[in-house]
Structures are given as C-alpha cells and as structure tokens.
Amino acid sequence: MKQTFLLIIVLILASCGGDKPQSIEAIIEAGNIEVLKTKKAELSTQAATIATELELIEKAIAEKDPKEGVLVTTMTVKDTLFNHYVEIQGNVETKQNVLVYPEYQGTLLRVNVKEGQRVSKGQILGRIDDGGISNQVAQLETQAALAKTTFERQERLWNQKIGSEIQYLQAKTQYESAQDMVKQMKSQLSRTVVKAPFSGIVDDVITEQGTVVSPGMALFRIVNLNNMYVTAEVPETYLTTVRKGKDVSVFFPVLNETIKATIRQAGDYINPSNRSFPIEVAVPNKKGNIKPNLTARLSINDYTVDNAILIPLNVINENAEGKQYVYTAFAKADTNTIVAKQQIIETGKSQGDKIEVLSGLKSGDLIIVEGARSVKDNQEVRILTY
C-alpha cells in the first residue's frame, strides 16, 4: 500500500516537468515565509489530488481483482449527548415603550425633561396651564375650612343637647360636600401635570413648550430598556416540544452577540393564518444596547438525548424500498479479512452534518465513512489508517 502511494507521488512530481524544483531543505534554509506558505499550499493541493486519484485506482483494482479489496476509512460509533435546536427569527419588544398623552387641554407651560434623560415613575415631565383651576381650589379649600369650623361647633352644641338635630345634620352635610368639591377640583388640577408612568428614559420630546395641547396629542415617548423580551412565531409542529422553561440561544446579528435565555411564555392559541403559536423570551440588557424592534435569531433546544448514536449524513444510502442503510466493517471469524456489511437503520432528527440513529446501530460498531458509496454488501475491504 505504501509503495503504491509513493509511486504515485513520484509519477505526479515527474510529470510536472520544467526546471528542477527547489528542494524542501533549500526553501526552509532560505527562510522566506511567503515561499514557505506557497509551498505548503502546493503540497496540500497535491496531497488532496493524490488521495482522490488513489481512491479511484483502488476502486478500479477492486473491480478487476476482488481479492485486493476496496480501500475505506471507518469510524467507531459512540454514545454522545445530542441537543437538537429549532431555528426561528424573532423581534425585540418591550411592554414599557409608550407615548405619554395629556389629560387636559391648554398651553404646555413647562417641559421639565430633555431627550435621553432618565426619569423615575411619577416624576413630573411637564405642566399645562390650568386655566384658573388652582385659584378655584384655593377658594374651595377656604370654604371647606369654614364649613369644618361650623360643623365642629355645631357638633359640640349637639353633644351638649343644645340646638336642633337638623342644624347639626345641615352643618355636617355642608362640610362633607365642601370636602368632596375640593377633592374633585384637585383631581382636575392634577390632570394639568404630566408625569412619567414608569421609570425609564425619555426617548423623544415630541411637543415643545408653549404649544397648545389636548388629549390625544403625544407629548413624550418613554422607554424602559431593562425589561426587554423577544417575540417569535413557532410552527405548530413544535407545540409539544417548545414549552415554557426551554433553553434558548438568542443571537443578535447587528450586535454580533449571543445571549442564553429561557422561554418565559408560550401561547396556547394557534394562529390559523400561518399555523403557528407565539412565544416570549426575556433577555437581560445590562449593556443597554438591545433596542426595541431589533432582529434576533432564536435557537430553541426542543430535543435532548443523553446517549444518542450520531453518524455523518453523507454515509447514509437508500435502497430501492426507500429504507436507509450504512455499511459496517467487521472481521470474518474464519479468516483475517474484513468485509462490508449492509445495515438497515432508522434515523431521527439531524443537526448540522450529523443525524441521530434510532435503531440499527449500537455503541462500538465500526461504520465505513470514506468509500461507503463504492463498496457492496459482503465485499472485502481494507481500512486506511492515518
């Protein structure tokens, strides 16, 4: 085998012709890194060509002389952890991304914040001209104070059995009515103050100071980037495997960043238009670089086997009946020869260039890899070792 390999190398080098090639020793001694890299690439190309031609020659020899055997490479099947992932595209969202609208009509007297400013929940963002409501509140508070004094005096007299019950009840009613009027007017006055609905960042100041505003006219946009999540639509075929708590790898192409997360919510409703259901994946945003509407790619671990049999996809063949098979290599008991044996298999899920074998192979089996499409059942083979 080695003699044949060396002979082919000599023939290929001899066929190049031309000037006498510089020896490897001379190139190394010269120390030119570019020449060394070029020579390495040249030798690698020649080696690949030789290996291909050698396989063709071995196949031809096997056809002409079956006793010689086909040259193959093998791999030993082993138990391994197998994780299968569903790849889908998602979109970043946040429930705390809102436009702030006024509750009162009037002139926007003051804007207290600027774009990019961090605000707390309840912080005053701006004030609207109240049109004299504050003066009315002051007057009603004065009237309420007088009604309180009158009621307290009438209550003391009533406790001393002085005066009539109707006078006491009238004073009480007037006091309570005055209190209600003050509360109502203060509630109306509070609508002239625009406050932050939650803690976050002022993303946009939409309306400038001095503008006449009214309900339905946006003033500010507030965004909280701490509670971000990714939404995606998952095909209904994964309904039983993609569930709440499943591990997810979230990749953001624009950021070139991957985050490990879990599914926090899986929908119970199948969308009839695309036969899918929604999921939500919470993503931490410590750097603050994950923004709403950012595109994300989700890899969801929907299937895991601790002791799976995995083999390369390219070694699998299919017979006339549509059954999949591979060739295993085993030594005959009565001779020292090794033969290929066709083995029917049943496959499961694939990931990349590997596929799970559900039945037909076990740990320790020797399968043929290179040369798998050149051998026949019960044909003698020779295993190439590197």
Protein backbone atom coordinates (compact mmCIF):
# COMPACT_ATOMS: atom_id res chain seq x y z
CA MET A 1 0.00 0.00 0.00
CA LYS A 2 2.77 2.49 0.98
CA GLN A 3 4.79 1.53 -2.13
CA THR A 4 1.80 2.26 -4.37
CA PHE A 5 1.26 5.63 -2.65
CA LEU A 6 4.93 6.65 -3.04
CA LEU A 7 4.99 5.51 -6.66
CA ILE A 8 2.02 7.75 -7.50
CA ILE A 9 3.68 10.74 -5.78
CA VAL A 10 6.86 10.18 -7.82
CA LEU A 11 4.89 9.89 -11.07
CA ILE A 12 2.96 13.11 -10.37
CA LEU A 13 6.09 15.05 -9.49
CA ALA A 14 7.89 13.67 -12.52
CA SER A 15 5.05 14.70 -14.80
CA CYS A 16 5.39 18.34 -13.75
CA GLY A 17 8.49 18.69 -15.97
CA GLY A 18 10.22 22.04 -16.47
CA ASP A 19 13.02 23.30 -14.29
CA LYS A 20 14.40 21.20 -11.49
CA PRO A 21 12.26 22.01 -8.41
CA GLN A 22 13.95 23.55 -5.40
CA SER A 23 14.35 21.11 -2.50
CA ILE A 24 12.35 21.47 0.70
CA GLU A 25 15.58 21.82 2.67
CA ALA A 26 16.71 24.72 0.49
CA ILE A 27 13.35 26.51 0.87
CA ILE A 28 13.42 26.12 4.65
CA GLU A 29 17.02 27.31 4.81
CA ALA A 30 16.14 30.42 2.75
CA GLY A 31 13.55 31.29 5.40
CA ASN A 32 11.17 33.24 3.13
CA ILE A 33 7.79 32.96 4.87
CA GLU A 34 5.77 33.70 1.72
CA VAL A 35 7.60 30.99 -0.23
CA LEU A 36 7.07 28.55 2.65
CA LYS A 37 3.31 29.28 2.72
CA THR A 38 3.09 28.91 -1.07
CA LYS A 39 4.93 25.57 -0.94
CA LYS A 40 2.66 24.34 1.86
CA ALA A 41 -0.47 25.18 -0.15
CA GLU A 42 1.03 23.49 -3.23
CA LEU A 43 1.83 20.30 -1.33
CA SER A 44 -1.63 20.28 0.29
CA THR A 45 -3.26 20.51 -3.13
CA GLN A 46 -1.06 17.72 -4.47
CA ALA A 47 -1.85 15.52 -1.46
CA ALA A 48 -5.61 16.02 -1.93
CA THR A 49 -5.28 15.21 -5.62
CA ILE A 50 -3.19 12.12 -4.86
CA ALA A 51 -5.72 10.90 -2.28
CA THR A 52 -8.56 11.27 -4.80
CA GLU A 53 -6.67 9.53 -7.56
CA LEU A 54 -5.56 6.81 -5.18
CA GLU A 55 -9.17 6.09 -4.24
CA LEU A 56 -10.10 5.83 -7.93
CA ILE A 57 -7.21 3.45 -8.54
CA GLU A 58 -8.12 1.33 -5.54
CA LYS A 59 -11.72 1.13 -6.76
CA ALA A 60 -10.56 0.05 -10.21
CA ILE A 61 -8.24 -2.57 -8.69
CA ALA A 62 -11.08 -3.91 -6.55
CA GLU A 63 -13.28 -4.25 -9.63
CA LYS A 64 -10.57 -6.03 -11.62
CA ASP A 65 -9.26 -8.07 -8.73
CA PRO A 66 -11.86 -8.62 -5.93
CA LYS A 67 -9.22 -10.24 -3.77
CA GLU A 68 -7.45 -6.92 -3.42
CA GLY A 69 -10.36 -5.26 -1.53
CA VAL A 70 -11.64 -1.64 -1.56
CA LEU A 71 -9.72 0.90 0.49
CA VAL A 72 -12.02 2.61 3.07
CA THR A 73 -11.89 4.65 6.22
CA THR A 74 -14.02 3.91 9.28
CA MET A 75 -15.28 5.46 12.48
CA THR A 76 -16.38 3.86 15.72
CA VAL A 77 -19.92 4.67 16.80
CA LYS A 78 -20.13 6.05 20.35
CA ASP A 79 -22.87 7.22 22.72
CA THR A 80 -22.95 11.00 22.96
CA LEU A 81 -25.12 13.87 24.20
CA PHE A 82 -27.38 15.13 21.41
CA ASN A 83 -29.13 18.50 21.52
CA HIS A 84 -31.47 19.44 18.69
CA TYR A 85 -32.37 23.08 18.08
CA VAL A 86 -35.23 24.82 16.27
CA GLU A 87 -34.03 27.90 14.37
CA ILE A 88 -36.54 30.77 14.08
CA GLN A 89 -36.44 34.55 13.74
CA GLY A 90 -37.77 36.91 16.38
CA ASN A 91 -38.24 40.58 17.17
CA VAL A 92 -37.23 42.53 20.28
CA GLU A 93 -40.03 44.27 22.14
CA THR A 94 -40.75 45.88 25.48
CA LYS A 95 -44.07 46.45 27.21
CA GLN A 96 -42.67 49.72 28.59
CA ASN A 97 -42.35 51.70 25.37
CA VAL A 98 -45.20 54.22 25.41
CA LEU A 99 -46.25 57.65 24.23
CA VAL A 100 -47.32 60.00 27.03
CA TYR A 101 -50.52 61.97 26.28
CA PRO A 102 -52.02 64.93 28.18
CA GLU A 103 -55.29 64.57 30.09
CA TYR A 104 -56.10 68.27 29.92
CA GLN A 105 -56.42 70.86 27.17
CA GLY A 106 -54.30 74.00 27.42
CA THR A 107 -50.92 75.56 26.81
CA LEU A 108 -47.87 73.48 27.68
CA LEU A 109 -46.26 75.95 30.10
CA ARG A 110 -43.18 73.94 31.03
CA VAL A 111 -41.17 70.96 29.80
CA ASN A 112 -39.01 69.66 32.65
CA VAL A 113 -37.04 66.93 30.81
CA LYS A 114 -34.90 66.51 27.72
CA GLU A 115 -34.23 63.63 25.34
CA GLY A 116 -32.01 60.90 26.75
CA GLN A 117 -32.78 61.84 30.35
CA ARG A 118 -33.51 59.04 32.82
CA VAL A 119 -36.70 59.58 34.82
CA SER A 120 -38.40 57.83 37.71
CA LYS A 121 -42.01 56.70 37.95
CA GLY A 122 -44.23 59.65 38.92
CA GLN A 123 -41.61 62.27 38.03
CA ILE A 124 -43.10 65.48 36.56
CA LEU A 125 -42.35 65.76 32.84
CA GLY A 126 -44.27 68.96 32.14
CA ARG A 127 -47.10 71.27 33.22
CA ILE A 128 -50.14 72.56 31.34
CA ASP A 129 -51.85 75.90 32.00
CA ASP A 130 -54.73 75.07 34.38
CA GLY A 131 -56.93 77.99 33.27
CA GLY A 132 -57.55 79.20 36.84
CA ILE A 133 -58.32 75.83 38.41
CA SER A 134 -55.66 76.37 41.10
CA ASN A 135 -57.47 79.59 42.19
CA GLN A 136 -60.74 77.70 42.37
CA VAL A 137 -59.09 75.04 44.52
CA ALA A 138 -57.85 77.72 46.92
CA GLN A 139 -61.34 79.22 47.20
CA LEU A 140 -62.95 75.83 47.78
CA GLU A 141 -60.35 74.98 50.44
CA THR A 142 -61.25 78.22 52.25
CA GLN A 143 -64.94 77.36 52.09
CA ALA A 144 -64.20 73.83 53.27
CA ALA A 145 -62.25 75.19 56.24
CA LEU A 146 -65.20 77.42 57.21
CA ALA A 147 -67.63 74.50 56.81
CA LYS A 148 -65.38 72.39 59.04
CA THR A 149 -65.33 75.04 61.78
CA THR A 150 -69.11 75.45 61.62
CA PHE A 151 -69.63 71.70 61.79
CA GLU A 152 -67.26 71.24 64.75
CA ARG A 153 -69.06 73.99 66.73
CA GLN A 154 -72.48 72.62 65.88
CA GLU A 155 -71.26 69.13 66.87
CA ARG A 156 -70.15 70.38 70.31
CA LEU A 157 -73.52 72.06 70.86
CA TRP A 158 -75.35 68.92 69.77
CA ASN A 159 -73.31 66.84 72.21
CA GLN A 160 -74.35 69.27 74.95
CA LYS A 161 -78.01 68.87 73.90
CA ILE A 162 -78.09 72.44 72.60
CA GLY A 163 -79.67 73.23 69.25
CA SER A 164 -81.73 71.08 66.96
CA GLU A 165 -80.74 67.89 65.17
CA ILE A 166 -81.49 69.44 61.79
CA GLN A 167 -78.91 72.19 62.37
CA TYR A 168 -76.29 69.57 63.25
CA LEU A 169 -77.08 67.49 60.14
CA GLN A 170 -77.04 70.55 57.86
CA ALA A 171 -73.60 71.57 59.12
CA LYS A 172 -72.30 68.04 58.66
CA THR A 173 -73.66 67.84 55.12
CA GLN A 174 -72.18 71.20 54.11
CA TYR A 175 -68.77 70.19 55.46
CA GLU A 176 -68.76 66.85 53.63
CA SER A 177 -69.93 68.50 50.42
CA ALA A 178 -67.17 71.10 50.64
CA GLN A 179 -64.59 68.31 51.09
CA ASP A 180 -65.91 66.48 48.02
CA MET A 181 -65.72 69.66 45.94
CA VAL A 182 -62.10 70.19 46.95
CA LYS A 183 -61.21 66.58 46.02
CA GLN A 184 -62.91 66.85 42.64
CA MET A 185 -61.18 70.13 41.78
CA LYS A 186 -57.79 68.86 42.93
CA SER A 187 -58.29 65.78 40.77
CA GLN A 188 -58.99 68.05 37.81
CA LEU A 189 -55.93 70.16 38.65
CA SER A 190 -53.71 67.05 38.80
CA ARG A 191 -54.56 66.38 35.14
CA THR A 192 -52.59 69.51 34.21
CA VAL A 193 -49.40 67.86 35.49
CA VAL A 194 -47.81 65.33 33.11
CA LYS A 195 -45.98 62.54 34.99
CA ALA A 196 -43.84 59.57 33.97
CA PRO A 197 -45.93 56.34 34.02
CA PHE A 198 -42.85 54.26 34.84
CA SER A 199 -39.10 54.58 35.28
CA GLY A 200 -37.16 54.76 32.05
CA ILE A 201 -35.52 57.06 29.52
CA VAL A 202 -37.09 59.99 27.66
CA ASP A 203 -36.59 58.78 24.11
CA ASP A 204 -38.31 61.73 22.43
CA VAL A 205 -39.73 65.13 23.42
CA ILE A 206 -42.46 65.38 20.79
CA THR A 207 -44.20 68.63 21.75
CA GLU A 208 -42.30 71.82 22.55
CA GLN A 209 -43.01 74.23 25.39
CA GLY A 210 -45.67 76.85 24.56
CA THR A 211 -47.70 74.56 22.33
CA VAL A 212 -51.46 74.30 22.88
CA VAL A 213 -52.10 70.63 23.63
CA SER A 214 -55.16 68.43 24.07
CA PRO A 215 -55.95 64.79 24.91
CA GLY A 216 -54.79 62.51 22.11
CA MET A 217 -51.76 64.68 21.27
CA ALA A 218 -48.48 62.90 22.14
CA LEU A 219 -46.05 64.84 24.33
CA PHE A 220 -43.22 62.40 25.16
CA ARG A 221 -42.00 58.88 24.44
CA ILE A 222 -40.74 56.94 27.48
CA VAL A 223 -38.79 53.68 27.03
CA ASN A 224 -37.57 51.26 29.66
CA LEU A 225 -34.76 49.06 28.30
CA ASN A 226 -34.47 46.92 31.44
CA ASN A 227 -37.43 44.63 30.68
CA MET A 228 -36.74 43.56 27.10
CA TYR A 229 -38.01 40.38 25.51
CA VAL A 230 -38.05 38.65 22.12
CA THR A 231 -41.28 37.51 20.48
CA ALA A 232 -41.39 34.84 17.77
CA GLU A 233 -43.85 32.61 15.94
CA VAL A 234 -43.16 28.87 16.26
CA PRO A 235 -44.67 26.33 13.81
CA GLU A 236 -47.41 24.19 15.38
CA THR A 237 -45.37 21.01 14.76
CA TYR A 238 -43.23 22.00 17.76
CA LEU A 239 -46.20 22.57 20.08
CA THR A 240 -45.31 19.67 22.40
CA THR A 241 -41.55 20.31 22.49
CA VAL A 242 -41.24 24.11 22.60
CA ARG A 243 -42.62 24.97 26.02
CA LYS A 244 -42.17 27.43 28.87
CA GLY A 245 -38.77 26.99 30.54
CA LYS A 246 -36.95 25.61 27.47
CA ASP A 247 -33.39 26.87 26.93
CA VAL A 248 -32.88 29.37 24.11
CA SER A 249 -29.79 30.84 22.49
CA VAL A 250 -30.59 34.36 21.26
CA PHE A 251 -28.28 35.80 18.59
CA PHE A 252 -28.42 39.46 17.53
CA PRO A 253 -26.83 39.77 14.06
CA VAL A 254 -26.42 43.56 14.25
CA LEU A 255 -24.65 43.36 17.62
CA ASN A 256 -22.87 40.06 16.82
CA GLU A 257 -23.81 38.98 20.33
CA THR A 258 -25.37 35.81 21.73
CA ILE A 259 -27.34 35.60 24.99
CA LYS A 260 -28.50 32.49 26.83
CA ALA A 261 -32.12 32.68 28.00
CA THR A 262 -35.28 30.64 28.55
CA ILE A 263 -38.83 30.77 27.21
CA ARG A 264 -40.94 32.68 29.76
CA GLN A 265 -44.24 32.28 27.96
CA ALA A 266 -45.64 30.01 25.23
CA GLY A 267 -49.01 30.80 23.67
CA ASP A 268 -51.98 28.44 23.81
CA TYR A 269 -53.55 29.74 20.61
CA ILE A 270 -52.68 28.52 17.09
CA ASN A 271 -52.83 31.28 14.51
CA PRO A 272 -54.97 29.83 11.67
CA SER A 273 -53.29 32.03 9.03
CA ASN A 274 -49.77 30.65 9.49
CA ARG A 275 -50.34 27.63 11.78
CA SER A 276 -48.00 28.91 14.49
CA PHE A 277 -48.10 29.96 18.14
CA PRO A 278 -46.29 32.86 19.87
CA ILE A 279 -43.52 32.68 22.45
CA GLU A 280 -41.75 35.26 24.59
CA VAL A 281 -38.11 35.06 25.66
CA ALA A 282 -36.91 37.54 28.29
CA VAL A 283 -33.42 38.88 27.54
CA PRO A 284 -31.17 40.74 30.00
CA ASN A 285 -29.97 44.13 28.81
CA LYS A 286 -27.13 45.05 31.14
CA LYS A 287 -25.26 46.99 28.43
CA GLY A 288 -28.39 48.79 27.25
CA ASN A 289 -27.56 48.06 23.61
CA ILE A 290 -30.63 45.88 22.92
CA LYS A 291 -33.29 48.14 21.45
CA PRO A 292 -36.99 47.63 20.58
CA ASN A 293 -37.63 46.14 17.11
CA LEU A 294 -34.11 44.69 16.88
CA THR A 295 -33.98 41.45 14.87
CA ALA A 296 -32.94 38.27 16.71
CA ARG A 297 -32.36 34.63 15.73
CA LEU A 298 -33.52 32.04 18.25
CA SER A 299 -32.08 28.56 18.66
CA ILE A 300 -34.51 26.65 20.87
CA ASN A 301 -33.44 23.36 22.42
CA ASP A 302 -36.53 21.26 21.67
CA TYR A 303 -34.99 17.79 21.93
CA THR A 304 -32.22 16.26 24.09
CA VAL A 305 -30.89 12.69 24.35
CA ASP A 306 -28.11 11.79 26.78
CA ASN A 307 -26.92 8.62 24.99
CA ALA A 308 -27.56 9.19 21.31
CA ILE A 309 -25.92 7.46 18.34
CA LEU A 310 -24.78 10.11 15.85
CA ILE A 311 -23.30 9.47 12.41
CA PRO A 312 -22.41 11.70 9.43
CA LEU A 313 -25.24 12.33 6.98
CA ASN A 314 -23.05 11.57 3.96
CA VAL A 315 -22.54 7.88 4.86
CA ILE A 316 -26.26 7.06 4.58
CA ASN A 317 -27.59 5.35 1.45
CA GLU A 318 -31.13 4.40 0.44
CA ASN A 319 -32.23 1.16 -1.20
CA ALA A 320 -34.97 0.56 -3.76
CA GLU A 321 -37.54 0.11 -0.98
CA GLY A 322 -36.77 3.55 0.44
CA LYS A 323 -35.02 2.17 3.51
CA GLN A 324 -31.86 3.85 4.78
CA TYR A 325 -28.69 1.85 5.36
CA VAL A 326 -25.00 2.18 6.12
CA TYR A 327 -22.07 -0.18 5.72
CA THR A 328 -20.37 -1.57 8.78
CA ALA A 329 -16.95 -3.20 8.73
CA PHE A 330 -16.26 -6.44 10.60
CA ALA A 331 -13.67 -9.20 10.55
CA LYS A 332 -14.64 -12.68 9.42
CA ALA A 333 -14.22 -15.26 12.15
CA ASP A 334 -12.53 -17.88 9.91
CA THR A 335 -10.15 -15.51 8.11
CA ASN A 336 -8.22 -12.35 8.69
CA THR A 337 -10.19 -10.46 6.07
CA ILE A 338 -12.53 -7.52 6.73
CA VAL A 339 -15.82 -7.22 4.85
CA ALA A 340 -18.52 -4.58 4.46
CA LYS A 341 -21.97 -5.41 5.77
CA GLN A 342 -25.10 -3.53 4.76
CA GLN A 343 -27.01 -2.45 7.87
CA ILE A 344 -30.58 -1.09 7.73
CA ILE A 345 -31.06 1.86 10.12
CA GLU A 346 -33.83 4.15 11.32
CA THR A 347 -32.92 7.81 11.73
CA GLY A 348 -34.32 10.66 13.79
CA LYS A 349 -33.51 14.34 13.97
CA SER A 350 -30.47 15.91 12.31
CA GLN A 351 -28.31 18.82 13.42
CA GLY A 352 -25.70 20.23 11.06
CA ASP A 353 -23.90 17.37 9.28
CA LYS A 354 -24.89 14.77 11.92
CA ILE A 355 -28.04 12.69 12.29
CA GLU A 356 -29.36 10.54 15.14
CA VAL A 357 -29.72 6.81 14.58
CA LEU A 358 -32.72 5.41 16.45
CA SER A 359 -32.16 1.75 15.59
CA GLY A 360 -29.78 -0.47 13.63
CA LEU A 361 -26.51 0.61 15.26
CA LYS A 362 -25.07 0.40 18.73
CA SER A 363 -22.10 1.86 20.53
CA GLY A 364 -18.86 0.24 19.38
CA ASP A 365 -19.99 -0.55 15.81
CA LEU A 366 -17.50 0.28 13.07
CA ILE A 367 -19.09 2.09 10.13
CA ILE A 368 -17.50 2.85 6.79
CA VAL A 369 -17.12 6.57 6.05
CA GLU A 370 -14.91 7.24 3.03
CA GLY A 371 -15.62 4.68 0.36
CA ALA A 372 -19.13 3.97 1.66
CA ARG A 373 -20.59 4.52 -1.80
CA SER A 374 -18.01 2.30 -3.52
CA VAL A 375 -18.46 -0.95 -1.58
CA LYS A 376 -21.05 -3.68 -1.84
CA ASP A 377 -22.60 -5.96 0.73
CA ASN A 378 -20.16 -8.66 1.94
CA GLN A 379 -17.33 -7.18 -0.16
CA GLU A 380 -13.81 -7.40 1.20
CA VAL A 381 -12.38 -4.03 2.24
CA ARG A 382 -9.09 -2.68 3.50
CA ILE A 383 -9.12 0.01 6.19
CA LEU A 384 -6.89 3.02 5.60
CA THR A 385 -5.19 4.22 8.76
CA TYR A 386 -3.63 7.66 9.17
